[in-house]
Amino acid sequence: MAAIARVSAVEFLSPEPPDPDCGSAEIRVDLEDGSHSTFRVMTPSSVGPAMNEAGRDCAFGAPALFVRSLRREDLVRAVGKMAAHMSGFWLRYYNSKKVPARKRGARK
């Protein structure tokens, strides 16, 4: 079983929205093992406007973490829960390295 992911820092990569109760932002989460993840955090009330902006009828796309608000204490709490769940699988998954496809005709 993988060790529990330990968060060392949570920071905004995009400007903090003026209303922390309704909005979305990009954040970076640094882990104690030196790795990091970047992803979008959204309040539930921001989902509809985000879908309208993108011109989509469904919510497929990059994963997002839904949070109560975009206040630092709520973000830290939500990311902490995410790190504890499944030993931090989702924090590691969001930025997992992609294995390059082999060139056509390359031998094993």
PDB file of N, CA and C in Angstrom:
ATOM      1  N   MET A   1       0.841  -1.191   0.000  1.00  0.00           N
ATOM      2  CA  MET A   1       0.000   0.000   0.000  1.00  0.00           C
ATOM      3  C   MET A   1       0.880   1.246   0.000  1.00  0.00           C
ATOM      4  N   ALA A   2       0.532   2.201  -0.785  1.00  0.00           N
ATOM      5  CA  ALA A   2       1.311   3.439  -0.883  1.00  0.00           C
ATOM      6  C   ALA A   2       1.206   4.248   0.409  1.00  0.00           C
ATOM      7  N   ALA A   3       2.255   4.994   0.685  1.00  0.00           N
ATOM      8  CA  ALA A   3       2.247   5.855   1.862  1.00  0.00           C
ATOM      9  C   ALA A   3       1.254   6.989   1.665  1.00  0.00           C
ATOM     10  N   ILE A   4       0.728   7.482   2.759  1.00  0.00           N
ATOM     11  CA  ILE A   4      -0.204   8.606   2.696  1.00  0.00           C
ATOM     12  C   ILE A   4       0.528   9.821   2.147  1.00  0.00           C
ATOM     13  N   ALA A   5      -0.092  10.500   1.207  1.00  0.00           N
ATOM     14  CA  ALA A   5       0.497  11.721   0.644  1.00  0.00           C
ATOM     15  C   ALA A   5       0.440  12.822   1.694  1.00  0.00           C
ATOM     16  N   ARG A   6       1.524  13.507   1.874  1.00  0.00           N
ATOM     17  CA  ARG A   6       1.569  14.614   2.837  1.00  0.00           C
ATOM     18  C   ARG A   6       1.758  15.924   2.086  1.00  0.00           C
ATOM     19  N   VAL A   7       0.846  16.846   2.309  1.00  0.00           N
ATOM     20  CA  VAL A   7       0.838  18.136   1.618  1.00  0.00           C
ATOM     21  C   VAL A   7       1.772  19.098   2.337  1.00  0.00           C
ATOM     22  N   SER A   8       2.646  19.761   1.576  1.00  0.00           N
ATOM     23  CA  SER A   8       3.533  20.757   2.184  1.00  0.00           C
ATOM     24  C   SER A   8       3.102  22.183   1.855  1.00  0.00           C
ATOM     25  N   ALA A   9       2.376  22.380   0.736  1.00  0.00           N
ATOM     26  CA  ALA A   9       1.938  23.736   0.378  1.00  0.00           C
ATOM     27  C   ALA A   9       0.765  23.676  -0.588  1.00  0.00           C
ATOM     28  N   VAL A  10      -0.110  24.675  -0.479  1.00  0.00           N
ATOM     29  CA  VAL A  10      -1.221  24.875  -1.409  1.00  0.00           C
ATOM     30  C   VAL A  10      -1.162  26.335  -1.817  1.00  0.00           C
ATOM     31  N   GLU A  11      -1.085  26.596  -3.134  1.00  0.00           N
ATOM     32  CA  GLU A  11      -1.018  27.991  -3.579  1.00  0.00           C
ATOM     33  C   GLU A  11      -1.879  28.217  -4.820  1.00  0.00           C
ATOM     34  N   PHE A  12      -2.376  29.423  -4.948  1.00  0.00           N
ATOM     35  CA  PHE A  12      -3.158  29.808  -6.120  1.00  0.00           C
ATOM     36  C   PHE A  12      -2.217  30.060  -7.292  1.00  0.00           C
ATOM     37  N   LEU A  13      -2.573  29.550  -8.466  1.00  0.00           N
ATOM     38  CA  LEU A  13      -1.834  29.849  -9.692  1.00  0.00           C
ATOM     39  C   LEU A  13      -2.555  30.913 -10.510  1.00  0.00           C
ATOM     40  N   SER A  14      -3.846  31.039 -10.290  1.00  0.00           N
ATOM     41  CA  SER A  14      -4.645  32.061 -10.967  1.00  0.00           C
ATOM     42  C   SER A  14      -5.081  33.074  -9.916  1.00  0.00           C
ATOM     43  N   PRO A  15      -5.504  34.239 -10.340  1.00  0.00           N
ATOM     44  CA  PRO A  15      -5.947  35.231  -9.363  1.00  0.00           C
ATOM     45  C   PRO A  15      -7.112  34.693  -8.525  1.00  0.00           C
ATOM     46  N   GLU A  16      -7.081  35.013  -7.240  1.00  0.00           N
ATOM     47  CA  GLU A  16      -8.181  34.590  -6.374  1.00  0.00           C
ATOM     48  C   GLU A  16      -9.445  35.327  -6.800  1.00  0.00           C
ATOM     49  N   PRO A  17     -10.572  34.622  -6.903  1.00  0.00           N
ATOM     50  CA  PRO A  17     -11.814  35.296  -7.303  1.00  0.00           C
ATOM     51  C   PRO A  17     -12.272  36.275  -6.233  1.00  0.00           C
ATOM     52  N   PRO A  18     -12.955  37.336  -6.635  1.00  0.00           N
ATOM     53  CA  PRO A  18     -13.393  38.335  -5.666  1.00  0.00           C
ATOM     54  C   PRO A  18     -14.391  37.778  -4.653  1.00  0.00           C
ATOM     55  N   ASP A  19     -15.213  36.825  -5.050  1.00  0.00           N
ATOM     56  CA  ASP A  19     -16.180  36.209  -4.144  1.00  0.00           C
ATOM     57  C   ASP A  19     -15.753  34.763  -3.903  1.00  0.00           C
ATOM     58  N   PRO A  20     -15.148  34.453  -2.753  1.00  0.00           N
ATOM     59  CA  PRO A  20     -14.650  33.099  -2.511  1.00  0.00           C
ATOM     60  C   PRO A  20     -15.757  32.049  -2.388  1.00  0.00           C
ATOM     61  N   ASP A  21     -17.000  32.476  -2.260  1.00  0.00           N
ATOM     62  CA  ASP A  21     -18.107  31.526  -2.150  1.00  0.00           C
ATOM     63  C   ASP A  21     -18.639  31.086  -3.501  1.00  0.00           C
ATOM     64  N   CYS A  22     -18.196  31.734  -4.567  1.00  0.00           N
ATOM     65  CA  CYS A  22     -18.678  31.391  -5.903  1.00  0.00           C
ATOM     66  C   CYS A  22     -17.570  31.660  -6.901  1.00  0.00           C
ATOM     67  N   GLY A  23     -16.951  30.610  -7.398  1.00  0.00           N
ATOM     68  CA  GLY A  23     -15.902  30.819  -8.382  1.00  0.00           C
ATOM     69  C   GLY A  23     -15.051  29.586  -8.569  1.00  0.00           C
ATOM     70  N   SER A  24     -13.992  29.773  -9.310  1.00  0.00           N
ATOM     71  CA  SER A  24     -13.049  28.695  -9.536  1.00  0.00           C
ATOM     72  C   SER A  24     -11.653  29.290  -9.646  1.00  0.00           C
ATOM     73  N   ALA A  25     -10.654  28.436  -9.480  1.00  0.00           N
ATOM     74  CA  ALA A  25      -9.265  28.884  -9.550  1.00  0.00           C
ATOM     75  C   ALA A  25      -8.382  27.687  -9.848  1.00  0.00           C
ATOM     76  N   GLU A  26      -7.189  27.969 -10.326  1.00  0.00           N
ATOM     77  CA  GLU A  26      -6.177  26.936 -10.515  1.00  0.00           C
ATOM     78  C   GLU A  26      -5.278  26.969  -9.286  1.00  0.00           C
ATOM     79  N   ILE A  27      -4.966  25.785  -8.747  1.00  0.00           N
ATOM     80  CA  ILE A  27      -4.064  25.728  -7.600  1.00  0.00           C
ATOM     81  C   ILE A  27      -2.936  24.748  -7.863  1.00  0.00           C
ATOM     82  N   ARG A  28      -1.882  24.895  -7.096  1.00  0.00           N
ATOM     83  CA  ARG A  28      -0.753  23.961  -7.112  1.00  0.00           C
ATOM     84  C   ARG A  28      -0.638  23.390  -5.713  1.00  0.00           C
ATOM     85  N   VAL A  29      -0.500  22.081  -5.639  1.00  0.00           N
ATOM     86  CA  VAL A  29      -0.339  21.390  -4.363  1.00  0.00           C
ATOM     87  C   VAL A  29       1.025  20.724  -4.373  1.00  0.00           C
ATOM     88  N   ASP A  30       1.886  21.123  -3.437  1.00  0.00           N
ATOM     89  CA  ASP A  30       3.208  20.515  -3.297  1.00  0.00           C
ATOM     90  C   ASP A  30       3.128  19.436  -2.234  1.00  0.00           C
ATOM     91  N   LEU A  31       3.741  18.297  -2.517  1.00  0.00           N
ATOM     92  CA  LEU A  31       3.781  17.195  -1.562  1.00  0.00           C
ATOM     93  C   LEU A  31       5.172  17.097  -0.949  1.00  0.00           C
ATOM     94  N   GLU A  32       5.237  16.521   0.246  1.00  0.00           N
ATOM     95  CA  GLU A  32       6.513  16.423   0.943  1.00  0.00           C
ATOM     96  C   GLU A  32       7.538  15.578   0.202  1.00  0.00           C
ATOM     97  N   ASP A  33       7.085  14.692  -0.699  1.00  0.00           N
ATOM     98  CA  ASP A  33       8.040  13.861  -1.438  1.00  0.00           C
ATOM     99  C   ASP A  33       8.669  14.611  -2.614  1.00  0.00           C
ATOM    100  N   GLY A  34       8.329  15.897  -2.767  1.00  0.00           N
ATOM    101  CA  GLY A  34       8.903  16.716  -3.832  1.00  0.00           C
ATOM    102  C   GLY A  34       8.045  16.803  -5.083  1.00  0.00           C
ATOM    103  N   SER A  35       7.011  15.990  -5.187  1.00  0.00           N
ATOM    104  CA  SER A  35       6.133  16.054  -6.353  1.00  0.00           C
ATOM    105  C   SER A  35       5.079  17.136  -6.149  1.00  0.00           C
ATOM    106  N   HIS A  36       4.369  17.444  -7.206  1.00  0.00           N
ATOM    107  CA  HIS A  36       3.308  18.440  -7.105  1.00  0.00           C
ATOM    108  C   HIS A  36       2.205  18.120  -8.104  1.00  0.00           C
ATOM    109  N   SER A  37       1.050  18.698  -7.879  1.00  0.00           N
ATOM    110  CA  SER A  37      -0.091  18.578  -8.788  1.00  0.00           C
ATOM    111  C   SER A  37      -0.693  19.955  -8.987  1.00  0.00           C
ATOM    112  N   THR A  38      -1.200  20.188 -10.165  1.00  0.00           N
ATOM    113  CA  THR A  38      -1.940  21.421 -10.433  1.00  0.00           C
ATOM    114  C   THR A  38      -3.298  21.020 -10.985  1.00  0.00           C
ATOM    115  N   PHE A  39      -4.332  21.687 -10.514  1.00  0.00           N
ATOM    116  CA  PHE A  39      -5.682  21.387 -10.971  1.00  0.00           C
ATOM    117  C   PHE A  39      -6.616  22.519 -10.589  1.00  0.00           C
ATOM    118  N   ARG A  40      -7.821  22.434 -11.096  1.00  0.00           N
ATOM    119  CA  ARG A  40      -8.834  23.455 -10.859  1.00  0.00           C
ATOM    120  C   ARG A  40      -9.654  23.101  -9.631  1.00  0.00           C
ATOM    121  N   VAL A  41      -9.952  24.094  -8.837  1.00  0.00           N
ATOM    122  CA  VAL A  41     -10.894  23.950  -7.732  1.00  0.00           C
ATOM    123  C   VAL A  41     -12.107  24.811  -8.053  1.00  0.00           C
ATOM    124  N   MET A  42     -13.279  24.299  -7.711  1.00  0.00           N
ATOM    125  CA  MET A  42     -14.519  25.003  -8.047  1.00  0.00           C
ATOM    126  C   MET A  42     -15.504  24.909  -6.898  1.00  0.00           C
ATOM    127  N   THR A  43     -16.260  25.977  -6.699  1.00  0.00           N
ATOM    128  CA  THR A  43     -17.388  25.902  -5.785  1.00  0.00           C
ATOM    129  C   THR A  43     -18.565  25.320  -6.567  1.00  0.00           C
ATOM    130  N   PRO A  44     -19.490  24.646  -5.897  1.00  0.00           N
ATOM    131  CA  PRO A  44     -20.626  24.060  -6.623  1.00  0.00           C
ATOM    132  C   PRO A  44     -21.411  25.075  -7.452  1.00  0.00           C
ATOM    133  N   SER A  45     -21.520  26.301  -6.971  1.00  0.00           N
ATOM    134  CA  SER A  45     -22.304  27.301  -7.704  1.00  0.00           C
ATOM    135  C   SER A  45     -21.597  27.812  -8.958  1.00  0.00           C
ATOM    136  N   SER A  46     -20.333  27.456  -9.152  1.00  0.00           N
ATOM    137  CA  SER A  46     -19.606  27.932 -10.337  1.00  0.00           C
ATOM    138  C   SER A  46     -19.644  26.953 -11.502  1.00  0.00           C
ATOM    139  N   VAL A  47     -20.243  25.788 -11.311  1.00  0.00           N
ATOM    140  CA  VAL A  47     -20.247  24.775 -12.368  1.00  0.00           C
ATOM    141  C   VAL A  47     -21.050  25.226 -13.583  1.00  0.00           C
ATOM    142  N   GLY A  48     -22.262  25.710 -13.373  1.00  0.00           N
ATOM    143  CA  GLY A  48     -23.104  26.157 -14.485  1.00  0.00           C
ATOM    144  C   GLY A  48     -22.451  27.232 -15.327  1.00  0.00           C
ATOM    145  N   PRO A  49     -21.981  28.323 -14.714  1.00  0.00           N
ATOM    146  CA  PRO A  49     -21.305  29.362 -15.501  1.00  0.00           C
ATOM    147  C   PRO A  49     -20.065  28.839 -16.229  1.00  0.00           C
ATOM    148  N   ALA A  50     -19.310  27.921 -15.619  1.00  0.00           N
ATOM    149  CA  ALA A  50     -18.115  27.385 -16.270  1.00  0.00           C
ATOM    150  C   ALA A  50     -18.491  26.587 -17.508  1.00  0.00           C
ATOM    151  N   MET A  51     -19.580  25.844 -17.437  1.00  0.00           N
ATOM    152  CA  MET A  51     -20.027  25.076 -18.593  1.00  0.00           C
ATOM    153  C   MET A  51     -20.529  26.003 -19.691  1.00  0.00           C
ATOM    154  N   ASN A  52     -21.209  27.078 -19.327  1.00  0.00           N
ATOM    155  CA  ASN A  52     -21.702  28.038 -20.320  1.00  0.00           C
ATOM    156  C   ASN A  52     -20.551  28.746 -21.024  1.00  0.00           C
ATOM    157  N   GLU A  53     -19.500  29.103 -20.270  1.00  0.00           N
ATOM    158  CA  GLU A  53     -18.340  29.767 -20.865  1.00  0.00           C
ATOM    159  C   GLU A  53     -17.684  28.869 -21.907  1.00  0.00           C
ATOM    160  N   ALA A  54     -17.603  27.594 -21.611  1.00  0.00           N
ATOM    161  CA  ALA A  54     -16.920  26.665 -22.507  1.00  0.00           C
ATOM    162  C   ALA A  54     -17.814  26.228 -23.656  1.00  0.00           C
ATOM    163  N   GLY A  55     -19.106  26.572 -23.605  1.00  0.00           N
ATOM    164  CA  GLY A  55     -20.021  26.176 -24.661  1.00  0.00           C
ATOM    165  C   GLY A  55     -20.309  24.689 -24.658  1.00  0.00           C
ATOM    166  N   ARG A  56     -20.253  24.081 -23.468  1.00  0.00           N
ATOM    167  CA  ARG A  56     -20.463  22.639 -23.370  1.00  0.00           C
ATOM    168  C   ARG A  56     -21.811  22.349 -22.724  1.00  0.00           C
ATOM    169  N   ASP A  57     -22.323  21.171 -23.027  1.00  0.00           N
ATOM    170  CA  ASP A  57     -23.555  20.724 -22.400  1.00  0.00           C
ATOM    171  C   ASP A  57     -23.296  19.677 -21.325  1.00  0.00           C
ATOM    172  N   CYS A  58     -22.046  19.311 -21.135  1.00  0.00           N
ATOM    173  CA  CYS A  58     -21.717  18.313 -20.124  1.00  0.00           C
ATOM    174  C   CYS A  58     -20.399  18.702 -19.460  1.00  0.00           C
ATOM    175  N   ALA A  59     -20.050  17.983 -18.426  1.00  0.00           N
ATOM    176  CA  ALA A  59     -18.892  18.360 -17.621  1.00  0.00           C
ATOM    177  C   ALA A  59     -17.662  17.500 -17.880  1.00  0.00           C
ATOM    178  N   PHE A  60     -17.476  17.026 -19.118  1.00  0.00           N
ATOM    179  CA  PHE A  60     -16.269  16.267 -19.406  1.00  0.00           C
ATOM    180  C   PHE A  60     -15.103  17.234 -19.554  1.00  0.00           C
ATOM    181  N   GLY A  61     -13.938  16.789 -19.168  1.00  0.00           N
ATOM    182  CA  GLY A  61     -12.756  17.625 -19.284  1.00  0.00           C
ATOM    183  C   GLY A  61     -11.800  17.338 -18.151  1.00  0.00           C
ATOM    184  N   ALA A  62     -10.902  18.241 -17.908  1.00  0.00           N
ATOM    185  CA  ALA A  62      -9.922  18.056 -16.845  1.00  0.00           C
ATOM    186  C   ALA A  62     -10.636  17.936 -15.497  1.00  0.00           C
ATOM    187  N   PRO A  63     -10.122  17.094 -14.613  1.00  0.00           N
ATOM    188  CA  PRO A  63     -10.769  16.930 -13.309  1.00  0.00           C
ATOM    189  C   PRO A  63     -10.684  18.202 -12.478  1.00  0.00           C
ATOM    190  N   ALA A  64     -11.653  18.359 -11.601  1.00  0.00           N
ATOM    191  CA  ALA A  64     -11.681  19.513 -10.693  1.00  0.00           C
ATOM    192  C   ALA A  64     -12.031  19.025  -9.298  1.00  0.00           C
ATOM    193  N   LEU A  65     -11.556  19.732  -8.317  1.00  0.00           N
ATOM    194  CA  LEU A  65     -11.890  19.448  -6.928  1.00  0.00           C
ATOM    195  C   LEU A  65     -12.964  20.443  -6.510  1.00  0.00           C
ATOM    196  N   PHE A  66     -14.101  19.939  -6.047  1.00  0.00           N
ATOM    197  CA  PHE A  66     -15.168  20.817  -5.586  1.00  0.00           C
ATOM    198  C   PHE A  66     -14.953  21.138  -4.122  1.00  0.00           C
ATOM    199  N   VAL A  67     -15.012  22.417  -3.805  1.00  0.00           N
ATOM    200  CA  VAL A  67     -14.748  22.894  -2.447  1.00  0.00           C
ATOM    201  C   VAL A  67     -15.905  23.766  -1.973  1.00  0.00           C
ATOM    202  N   ARG A  68     -16.037  23.852  -0.655  1.00  0.00           N
ATOM    203  CA  ARG A  68     -17.093  24.675  -0.062  1.00  0.00           C
ATOM    204  C   ARG A  68     -16.922  26.132  -0.452  1.00  0.00           C
ATOM    205  N   SER A  69     -15.692  26.607  -0.370  1.00  0.00           N
ATOM    206  CA  SER A  69     -15.381  27.981  -0.771  1.00  0.00           C
ATOM    207  C   SER A  69     -13.915  28.023  -1.172  1.00  0.00           C
ATOM    208  N   LEU A  70     -13.495  29.121  -1.736  1.00  0.00           N
ATOM    209  CA  LEU A  70     -12.101  29.285  -2.156  1.00  0.00           C
ATOM    210  C   LEU A  70     -11.263  29.993  -1.094  1.00  0.00           C
ATOM    211  N   ARG A  71     -11.761  30.007   0.128  1.00  0.00           N
ATOM    212  CA  ARG A  71     -10.962  30.536   1.241  1.00  0.00           C
ATOM    213  C   ARG A  71      -9.840  29.549   1.539  1.00  0.00           C
ATOM    214  N   ARG A  72      -8.679  30.067   1.904  1.00  0.00           N
ATOM    215  CA  ARG A  72      -7.498  29.223   2.133  1.00  0.00           C
ATOM    216  C   ARG A  72      -7.791  28.066   3.088  1.00  0.00           C
ATOM    217  N   GLU A  73      -8.471  28.314   4.195  1.00  0.00           N
ATOM    218  CA  GLU A  73      -8.717  27.238   5.173  1.00  0.00           C
ATOM    219  C   GLU A  73      -9.587  26.121   4.581  1.00  0.00           C
ATOM    220  N   ASP A  74     -10.541  26.470   3.718  1.00  0.00           N
ATOM    221  CA  ASP A  74     -11.369  25.456   3.072  1.00  0.00           C
ATOM    222  C   ASP A  74     -10.577  24.681   2.031  1.00  0.00           C
ATOM    223  N   LEU A  75      -9.704  25.365   1.288  1.00  0.00           N
ATOM    224  CA  LEU A  75      -8.856  24.681   0.311  1.00  0.00           C
ATOM    225  C   LEU A  75      -7.911  23.700   0.993  1.00  0.00           C
ATOM    226  N   VAL A  76      -7.270  24.152   2.054  1.00  0.00           N
ATOM    227  CA  VAL A  76      -6.316  23.294   2.766  1.00  0.00           C
ATOM    228  C   VAL A  76      -7.038  22.069   3.333  1.00  0.00           C
ATOM    229  N   ARG A  77      -8.226  22.258   3.871  1.00  0.00           N
ATOM    230  CA  ARG A  77      -9.008  21.142   4.417  1.00  0.00           C
ATOM    231  C   ARG A  77      -9.385  20.155   3.304  1.00  0.00           C
ATOM    232  N   ALA A  78      -9.869  20.667   2.171  1.00  0.00           N
ATOM    233  CA  ALA A  78     -10.279  19.798   1.068  1.00  0.00           C
ATOM    234  C   ALA A  78      -9.094  19.043   0.482  1.00  0.00           C
ATOM    235  N   VAL A  79      -7.969  19.720   0.296  1.00  0.00           N
ATOM    236  CA  VAL A  79      -6.782  19.063  -0.249  1.00  0.00           C
ATOM    237  C   VAL A  79      -6.253  18.030   0.748  1.00  0.00           C
ATOM    238  N   GLY A  80      -6.340  18.316   2.030  1.00  0.00           N
ATOM    239  CA  GLY A  80      -5.933  17.349   3.058  1.00  0.00           C
ATOM    240  C   GLY A  80      -6.772  16.081   3.000  1.00  0.00           C
ATOM    241  N   LYS A  81      -8.083  16.241   2.810  1.00  0.00           N
ATOM    242  CA  LYS A  81      -8.972  15.076   2.663  1.00  0.00           C
ATOM    243  C   LYS A  81      -8.608  14.301   1.398  1.00  0.00           C
ATOM    244  N   MET A  82      -8.302  15.033   0.335  1.00  0.00           N
ATOM    245  CA  MET A  82      -7.922  14.401  -0.923  1.00  0.00           C
ATOM    246  C   MET A  82      -6.617  13.614  -0.743  1.00  0.00           C
ATOM    247  N   ALA A  83      -5.680  14.153   0.019  1.00  0.00           N
ATOM    248  CA  ALA A  83      -4.402  13.478   0.254  1.00  0.00           C
ATOM    249  C   ALA A  83      -4.587  12.221   1.100  1.00  0.00           C
ATOM    250  N   ALA A  84      -5.529  12.237   2.020  1.00  0.00           N
ATOM    251  CA  ALA A  84      -5.765  11.088   2.889  1.00  0.00           C
ATOM    252  C   ALA A  84      -6.536   9.980   2.182  1.00  0.00           C
ATOM    253  N   HIS A  85      -7.372  10.351   1.218  1.00  0.00           N
ATOM    254  CA  HIS A  85      -8.198   9.365   0.522  1.00  0.00           C
ATOM    255  C   HIS A  85      -7.337   8.511  -0.408  1.00  0.00           C
ATOM    256  N   MET A  86      -7.419   7.216  -0.263  1.00  0.00           N
ATOM    257  CA  MET A  86      -6.672   6.278  -1.118  1.00  0.00           C
ATOM    258  C   MET A  86      -5.180   6.624  -1.162  1.00  0.00           C
ATOM    259  N   SER A  87      -4.620   7.014  -0.045  1.00  0.00           N
ATOM    260  CA  SER A  87      -3.189   7.351   0.074  1.00  0.00           C
ATOM    261  C   SER A  87      -2.759   8.441  -0.904  1.00  0.00           C
ATOM    262  N   GLY A  88      -3.662   9.353  -1.222  1.00  0.00           N
ATOM    263  CA  GLY A  88      -3.325  10.465  -2.111  1.00  0.00           C
ATOM    264  C   GLY A  88      -3.335  10.104  -3.583  1.00  0.00           C
ATOM    265  N   PHE A  89      -4.015   9.020  -3.934  1.00  0.00           N
ATOM    266  CA  PHE A  89      -4.045   8.563  -5.330  1.00  0.00           C
ATOM    267  C   PHE A  89      -4.408   9.683  -6.287  1.00  0.00           C
ATOM    268  N   TRP A  90      -5.458  10.448  -5.986  1.00  0.00           N
ATOM    269  CA  TRP A  90      -5.921  11.469  -6.933  1.00  0.00           C
ATOM    270  C   TRP A  90      -4.923  12.614  -7.077  1.00  0.00           C
ATOM    271  N   LEU A  91      -4.235  12.967  -5.999  1.00  0.00           N
ATOM    272  CA  LEU A  91      -3.208  14.015  -6.125  1.00  0.00           C
ATOM    273  C   LEU A  91      -2.087  13.542  -7.040  1.00  0.00           C
ATOM    274  N   ARG A  92      -1.723  12.278  -6.941  1.00  0.00           N
ATOM    275  CA  ARG A  92      -0.670  11.736  -7.803  1.00  0.00           C
ATOM    276  C   ARG A  92      -1.175  11.552  -9.233  1.00  0.00           C
ATOM    277  N   TYR A  93      -2.433  11.145  -9.381  1.00  0.00           N
ATOM    278  CA  TYR A  93      -3.013  10.856 -10.688  1.00  0.00           C
ATOM    279  C   TYR A  93      -3.146  12.102 -11.549  1.00  0.00           C
ATOM    280  N   TYR A  94      -3.529  13.222 -10.949  1.00  0.00           N
ATOM    281  CA  TYR A  94      -3.754  14.436 -11.724  1.00  0.00           C
ATOM    282  C   TYR A  94      -2.544  14.813 -12.556  1.00  0.00           C
ATOM    283  N   ASN A  95      -1.358  14.570 -12.075  1.00  0.00           N
ATOM    284  CA  ASN A  95      -0.150  14.932 -12.816  1.00  0.00           C
ATOM    285  C   ASN A  95       0.748  13.730 -13.041  1.00  0.00           C
ATOM    286  N   SER A  96       0.155  12.575 -13.271  1.00  0.00           N
ATOM    287  CA  SER A  96       0.972  11.388 -13.532  1.00  0.00           C
ATOM    288  C   SER A  96       1.695  11.577 -14.863  1.00  0.00           C
ATOM    289  N   LYS A  97       2.893  11.070 -14.905  1.00  0.00           N
ATOM    290  CA  LYS A  97       3.685  11.203 -16.134  1.00  0.00           C
ATOM    291  C   LYS A  97       3.120  10.271 -17.188  1.00  0.00           C
ATOM    292  N   LYS A  98       3.040  10.761 -18.377  1.00  0.00           N
ATOM    293  CA  LYS A  98       2.552   9.965 -19.498  1.00  0.00           C
ATOM    294  C   LYS A  98       3.734   9.200 -20.099  1.00  0.00           C
ATOM    295  N   VAL A  99       3.523   7.939 -20.365  1.00  0.00           N
ATOM    296  CA  VAL A  99       4.554   7.134 -21.001  1.00  0.00           C
ATOM    297  C   VAL A  99       4.500   7.428 -22.489  1.00  0.00           C
ATOM    298  N   PRO A 100       5.626   7.848 -23.100  1.00  0.00           N
ATOM    299  CA  PRO A 100       5.594   8.180 -24.525  1.00  0.00           C
ATOM    300  C   PRO A 100       5.284   6.939 -25.356  1.00  0.00           C
ATOM    301  N   ALA A 101       4.498   7.137 -26.390  1.00  0.00           N
ATOM    302  CA  ALA A 101       4.168   6.041 -27.299  1.00  0.00           C
ATOM    303  C   ALA A 101       5.419   5.640 -28.060  1.00  0.00           C
ATOM    304  N   ARG A 102       5.558   4.340 -28.292  1.00  0.00           N
ATOM    305  CA  ARG A 102       6.719   3.878 -29.049  1.00  0.00           C
ATOM    306  C   ARG A 102       6.575   4.264 -30.511  1.00  0.00           C
ATOM    307  N   LYS A 103       7.690   4.499 -31.120  1.00  0.00           N
ATOM    308  CA  LYS A 103       7.673   4.846 -32.556  1.00  0.00           C
ATOM    309  C   LYS A 103       7.242   3.628 -33.339  1.00  0.00           C
ATOM    310  N   ARG A 104       6.529   3.889 -34.390  1.00  0.00           N
ATOM    311  CA  ARG A 104       6.048   2.812 -35.258  1.00  0.00           C
ATOM    312  C   ARG A 104       7.240   2.008 -35.770  1.00  0.00           C
ATOM    313  N   GLY A 105       7.123   0.693 -35.653  1.00  0.00           N
ATOM    314  CA  GLY A 105       8.185  -0.174 -36.140  1.00  0.00           C
ATOM    315  C   GLY A 105       9.303  -0.426 -35.138  1.00  0.00           C
ATOM    316  N   ALA A 106       9.275   0.235 -33.981  1.00  0.00           N
ATOM    317  CA  ALA A 106      10.323   0.025 -32.986  1.00  0.00           C
ATOM    318  C   ALA A 106      10.173  -1.361 -32.360  1.00  0.00           C
ATOM    319  N   ARG A 107      11.298  -2.008 -32.088  1.00  0.00           N
ATOM    320  CA  ARG A 107      11.266  -3.341 -31.489  1.00  0.00           C
ATOM    321  C   ARG A 107      11.374  -3.232 -29.985  1.00  0.00           C
ATOM    322  N   LYS A 108      10.870  -4.249 -29.337  1.00  0.00           N
ATOM    323  CA  LYS A 108      10.913  -4.298 -27.861  1.00  0.00           C
ATOM    324  C   LYS A 108      12.325  -4.477 -27.380  1.00  0.00           C
TER     325      LYS A 108
END
